[in-house]
Amino acid sequence: MSPSPAGWYPDPSTTPPGTQPGLRWWDGSTWTAHTHAVPEAAPEQYQPTPYQPTPYQPTQYPAAPPAYQGSPYGQPAQLVNKNLTPDGQQLASWGRRLAAYLLDGVLTFLVTLVASAPFLSQIIDYVSSVVDDVSAQLDAGVQDPVLPTEADMMSALWQPFLAITIIGLMVSLAYHAGFLKWRGATPAKMLLGIEVRLREQPGPLSWGTVLIRWAGQFGVGIVQLLPGIGVIAGFYPLLDGLWPLWDGKKQALHDKMARTNVVRTR
């Protein structure tokens, strides 16, 4: 006989007399720590027939759900709770996710700032030279000082700006992908007691999942470099960040791409 599929089954632990047995998640090979109370609309067999009270009969539950053949439980119970993963782990609130995102953003910004110092210096030097030139013209009595054209500014600044953008993306990739692969959470997520896992099963994330998730969240920075669509792409991070507020599975768009959820660890 084949083993029973993963799902919610009557909890095999001891149930006190006079109470309904709860449900426990069976992952296909062993019982997990995730439990769930029987929903209010539970099957009627948990309630005695009106006007015909029956004494409590203790039930001996097996060490594992019965196999398909001859299973008295039939199919596993179907519980729908948008605040839980399918196996019953609590999802992180949007507020915790936002706080972790902002803290991670501060950390990656500081690292990017240090790594980009030479290119920031080029931008500062150019702006200073423009200001000095305009000041010199005004001191010389020029009523309408000559300013650099937009083409001149783009020609002088596009290289340092591109370098800073690339450095920022590399820092973000190393930080987010590295920590998610190593610990399942960034430092800010660990601080706030949340982590990333596949929605359908817990465990370490694969490199493929980690990279897809990063690309879905931060890869838009590459698209923003393209002329014409950069401004439109700038709205994506906002939409992505707000998506869990109305999504039934509490997933952002990058979660949906990688099939992940952010869950509570404490």
Protein backbone atom coordinates (compact mmCIF):
# COMPACT_ATOMS: atom_id res chain seq x y z
CA MET A 1 0.00 0.00 0.00
CA SER A 2 1.26 3.49 -0.83
CA PRO A 3 1.79 6.02 2.01
CA SER A 4 -0.88 8.62 2.68
CA PRO A 5 -0.41 12.01 0.97
CA ALA A 6 0.59 15.13 2.89
CA GLY A 7 -2.34 16.85 4.54
CA TRP A 8 -4.28 17.52 7.74
CA TYR A 9 -5.33 14.43 9.70
CA PRO A 10 -6.77 13.81 13.19
CA ASP A 11 -4.01 14.44 15.71
CA PRO A 12 -2.65 11.07 16.91
CA SER A 13 -1.68 12.55 20.28
CA THR A 14 -3.85 11.84 23.31
CA THR A 15 -7.14 13.76 23.32
CA PRO A 16 -8.73 14.50 26.75
CA PRO A 17 -12.20 12.98 27.29
CA GLY A 18 -15.04 15.26 26.24
CA THR A 19 -12.99 17.25 23.70
CA GLN A 20 -12.77 17.06 19.95
CA PRO A 21 -9.49 15.81 18.47
CA GLY A 22 -7.53 18.51 16.68
CA LEU A 23 -5.72 18.18 13.38
CA ARG A 24 -1.99 17.73 12.77
CA TRP A 25 -0.03 18.12 9.51
CA TRP A 26 1.33 14.89 7.99
CA ASP A 27 4.11 15.75 5.47
CA GLY A 28 3.91 12.43 3.65
CA SER A 29 6.49 10.66 5.80
CA THR A 30 6.17 11.92 9.38
CA TRP A 31 4.06 14.07 11.68
CA THR A 32 5.10 17.76 11.95
CA ALA A 33 4.72 20.22 14.82
CA HIS A 34 2.00 22.17 12.98
CA THR A 35 -1.45 21.67 14.54
CA HIS A 36 -4.82 23.22 13.90
CA ALA A 37 -8.11 23.26 15.75
CA VAL A 38 -11.10 21.65 14.06
CA PRO A 39 -12.96 24.38 12.12
CA GLU A 40 -16.41 25.41 13.31
CA ALA A 41 -17.89 23.79 10.23
CA ALA A 42 -16.35 20.48 11.21
CA PRO A 43 -17.92 17.19 10.10
CA GLU A 44 -20.96 16.24 12.09
CA GLN A 45 -19.36 13.05 13.41
CA TYR A 46 -17.67 15.19 16.03
CA GLN A 47 -21.08 16.18 17.48
CA PRO A 48 -23.46 13.76 19.22
CA THR A 49 -26.92 13.32 17.72
CA PRO A 50 -29.44 15.76 19.28
CA TYR A 51 -31.35 14.27 22.23
CA GLN A 52 -29.28 11.09 21.95
CA PRO A 53 -26.10 11.82 23.92
CA THR A 54 -23.43 9.20 23.60
CA PRO A 55 -20.61 8.58 26.05
CA TYR A 56 -17.10 9.50 24.98
CA GLN A 57 -15.22 6.63 23.41
CA PRO A 58 -11.45 7.12 23.34
CA THR A 59 -9.97 6.52 19.93
CA GLN A 60 -6.59 4.97 19.31
CA TYR A 61 -4.91 6.88 16.48
CA PRO A 62 -2.25 5.20 14.35
CA ALA A 63 1.36 6.40 14.23
CA ALA A 64 0.69 7.60 10.68
CA PRO A 65 -2.42 8.23 8.60
CA PRO A 66 -3.73 5.05 6.96
CA ALA A 67 -2.80 4.38 3.36
CA TYR A 68 -5.25 4.87 0.56
CA GLN A 69 -6.67 1.35 0.76
CA GLY A 70 -9.11 1.02 3.58
CA SER A 71 -8.41 4.48 5.05
CA PRO A 72 -11.17 5.42 7.50
CA TYR A 73 -10.24 9.10 7.17
CA GLY A 74 -10.61 9.36 3.39
CA GLN A 75 -8.95 12.47 2.03
CA PRO A 76 -7.02 14.83 4.35
CA ALA A 77 -8.99 17.75 5.75
CA GLN A 78 -8.92 20.87 3.59
CA LEU A 79 -8.26 23.96 5.70
CA VAL A 80 -8.07 27.40 4.13
CA ASN A 81 -6.44 30.09 6.26
CA LYS A 82 -4.80 32.95 4.44
CA ASN A 83 -2.57 33.61 7.46
CA LEU A 84 -0.96 30.15 7.30
CA THR A 85 1.09 28.17 4.82
CA PRO A 86 -0.57 24.94 3.60
CA ASP A 87 1.26 23.02 6.36
CA GLY A 88 0.19 25.46 9.06
CA GLN A 89 3.14 27.85 9.61
CA GLN A 90 2.22 31.42 10.54
CA LEU A 91 2.81 33.99 7.79
CA ALA A 92 4.65 37.21 8.57
CA SER A 93 2.62 40.40 8.74
CA TRP A 94 3.02 43.10 6.11
CA GLY A 95 4.33 45.47 8.78
CA ARG A 96 7.18 43.15 9.74
CA ARG A 97 8.06 42.64 6.10
CA LEU A 98 8.13 46.40 5.50
CA ALA A 99 10.31 47.01 8.56
CA ALA A 100 12.77 44.32 7.44
CA TYR A 101 12.82 45.76 3.91
CA LEU A 102 13.65 49.25 5.20
CA LEU A 103 16.38 48.01 7.56
CA ASP A 104 17.93 45.90 4.81
CA GLY A 105 17.74 48.92 2.52
CA VAL A 106 19.72 51.05 4.97
CA LEU A 107 22.42 48.38 5.27
CA THR A 108 22.79 47.85 1.51
CA PHE A 109 22.74 51.63 0.91
CA LEU A 110 25.65 52.16 3.30
CA VAL A 111 27.68 49.38 1.70
CA THR A 112 26.92 50.75 -1.78
CA LEU A 113 27.87 54.25 -0.65
CA VAL A 114 31.30 53.08 0.49
CA ALA A 115 31.90 50.91 -2.59
CA SER A 116 30.83 53.73 -4.93
CA ALA A 117 32.98 56.44 -3.34
CA PRO A 118 35.28 56.96 -6.38
CA PHE A 119 32.32 57.46 -8.73
CA LEU A 120 30.47 59.70 -6.27
CA SER A 121 33.62 61.80 -6.14
CA GLN A 122 33.49 62.23 -9.94
CA ILE A 123 29.90 63.49 -9.74
CA ILE A 124 30.71 65.89 -6.90
CA ASP A 125 33.75 67.24 -8.77
CA TYR A 126 31.69 67.87 -11.90
CA VAL A 127 28.92 69.68 -10.02
CA SER A 128 31.51 71.77 -8.16
CA SER A 129 33.16 72.77 -11.43
CA VAL A 130 29.81 73.88 -12.85
CA VAL A 131 29.05 75.94 -9.75
CA ASP A 132 32.51 77.53 -9.83
CA ASP A 133 32.13 78.40 -13.51
CA VAL A 134 28.74 80.03 -12.98
CA SER A 135 30.08 81.97 -9.98
CA ALA A 136 33.01 83.22 -12.05
CA GLN A 137 30.67 84.45 -14.78
CA LEU A 138 28.51 86.29 -12.25
CA ASP A 139 31.58 87.88 -10.66
CA ALA A 140 32.63 89.05 -14.13
CA GLY A 141 29.32 90.85 -14.51
CA VAL A 142 27.68 88.39 -16.88
CA GLN A 143 23.92 88.86 -16.52
CA ASP A 144 22.97 85.55 -18.13
CA PRO A 145 25.67 82.96 -17.30
CA VAL A 146 26.11 80.03 -19.64
CA LEU A 147 25.04 76.69 -18.15
CA PRO A 148 25.93 73.22 -19.40
CA THR A 149 23.39 71.74 -21.76
CA GLU A 150 21.52 68.58 -20.87
CA ALA A 151 23.59 66.70 -23.43
CA ASP A 152 26.79 67.98 -21.81
CA MET A 153 25.64 66.85 -18.37
CA MET A 154 24.62 63.41 -19.63
CA SER A 155 27.94 63.01 -21.41
CA ALA A 156 29.86 63.88 -18.24
CA LEU A 157 27.77 61.93 -15.72
CA TRP A 158 26.34 58.82 -17.37
CA GLN A 159 29.40 56.68 -16.70
CA PRO A 160 29.63 57.31 -12.92
CA PHE A 161 25.85 56.96 -12.55
CA LEU A 162 25.92 53.66 -14.45
CA ALA A 163 28.80 52.41 -12.31
CA ILE A 164 26.95 53.30 -9.09
CA THR A 165 23.82 51.52 -10.31
CA ILE A 166 25.76 48.37 -11.18
CA ILE A 167 27.54 48.41 -7.83
CA GLY A 168 24.21 48.80 -6.05
CA LEU A 169 22.76 45.80 -7.89
CA MET A 170 25.82 43.69 -7.12
CA VAL A 171 25.66 44.59 -3.43
CA SER A 172 21.95 43.80 -3.37
CA LEU A 173 22.47 40.45 -5.10
CA ALA A 174 25.30 39.40 -2.80
CA TYR A 175 23.43 40.53 0.32
CA HIS A 176 19.92 39.23 -0.35
CA ALA A 177 20.72 36.10 -2.36
CA GLY A 178 23.66 35.18 -0.15
CA PHE A 179 21.80 35.45 3.14
CA LEU A 180 18.63 33.75 1.83
CA LYS A 181 20.66 30.81 0.58
CA TRP A 182 22.73 30.61 3.77
CA ARG A 183 20.16 31.35 6.47
CA GLY A 184 16.80 31.71 4.73
CA ALA A 185 16.66 35.30 5.97
CA THR A 186 18.57 38.57 5.77
CA PRO A 187 19.96 40.12 8.99
CA ALA A 188 16.91 42.40 9.26
CA LYS A 189 14.52 39.47 8.80
CA MET A 190 16.38 37.46 11.45
CA LEU A 191 16.19 40.44 13.81
CA LEU A 192 12.41 40.66 13.35
CA GLY A 193 11.80 36.91 13.58
CA ILE A 194 10.80 36.17 9.98
CA GLU A 195 12.27 34.08 7.18
CA VAL A 196 11.64 33.00 3.59
CA ARG A 197 10.57 29.46 2.63
CA LEU A 198 8.82 27.72 -0.22
CA ARG A 199 5.09 28.02 0.22
CA GLU A 200 4.42 24.31 -0.19
CA GLN A 201 7.23 22.97 1.98
CA PRO A 202 9.78 24.20 4.53
CA GLY A 203 13.52 23.78 4.22
CA PRO A 204 16.56 25.48 2.67
CA LEU A 205 16.02 27.42 -0.55
CA SER A 206 17.73 26.40 -3.78
CA TRP A 207 19.93 28.82 -5.70
CA GLY A 208 17.34 28.88 -8.46
CA THR A 209 14.60 29.98 -6.06
CA VAL A 210 16.84 32.58 -4.42
CA LEU A 211 17.91 34.12 -7.74
CA ILE A 212 14.39 34.18 -9.17
CA ARG A 213 13.13 35.87 -6.02
CA TRP A 214 15.90 38.48 -6.14
CA ALA A 215 15.33 39.18 -9.83
CA GLY A 216 11.60 39.58 -9.22
CA GLN A 217 12.21 42.10 -6.46
CA PHE A 218 15.34 44.02 -7.44
CA GLY A 219 16.03 43.11 -11.08
CA VAL A 220 13.82 46.00 -12.15
CA GLY A 221 16.84 48.19 -11.41
CA ILE A 222 18.35 46.88 -14.64
CA VAL A 223 15.19 47.70 -16.60
CA GLN A 224 15.21 51.23 -15.20
CA LEU A 225 18.46 51.86 -17.07
CA LEU A 226 16.70 51.41 -20.40
CA PRO A 227 15.56 54.68 -22.01
CA GLY A 228 11.84 55.15 -22.44
CA ILE A 229 10.59 52.51 -20.01
CA GLY A 230 12.70 53.37 -16.98
CA VAL A 231 10.10 55.74 -15.55
CA ILE A 232 7.29 53.21 -15.98
CA ALA A 233 9.41 50.47 -14.41
CA GLY A 234 9.91 52.73 -11.42
CA PHE A 235 6.34 52.01 -10.28
CA TYR A 236 6.96 48.27 -10.07
CA PRO A 237 8.70 48.25 -6.63
CA LEU A 238 5.72 50.07 -5.12
CA LEU A 239 3.21 47.65 -6.63
CA ASP A 240 5.35 44.67 -5.63
CA GLY A 241 5.66 45.87 -2.05
CA LEU A 242 1.93 46.53 -1.62
CA TRP A 243 0.76 43.31 -3.28
CA PRO A 244 0.67 41.18 -0.07
CA LEU A 245 -1.96 43.53 1.39
CA TRP A 246 -4.66 42.15 -0.91
CA ASP A 247 -3.20 38.84 -2.04
CA GLY A 248 -4.96 35.76 -0.68
CA LYS A 249 -1.64 33.98 -0.04
CA LYS A 250 0.09 37.08 1.39
CA GLN A 251 2.67 36.93 -1.41
CA ALA A 252 4.41 39.83 -3.11
CA LEU A 253 4.89 39.57 -6.87
CA HIS A 254 8.45 38.34 -6.39
CA ASP A 255 7.12 35.69 -3.97
CA LYS A 256 4.75 34.44 -6.65
CA MET A 257 7.58 34.18 -9.17
CA ALA A 258 9.69 32.11 -6.74
CA ARG A 259 6.72 30.32 -5.06
CA THR A 260 7.80 31.52 -1.64
CA ASN A 261 6.21 32.92 1.51
CA VAL A 262 7.64 34.98 4.34
CA VAL A 263 6.81 33.27 7.64
CA ARG A 264 7.18 33.90 11.36
CA THR A 265 9.94 32.10 13.22
CA ARG A 266 8.95 33.33 16.67
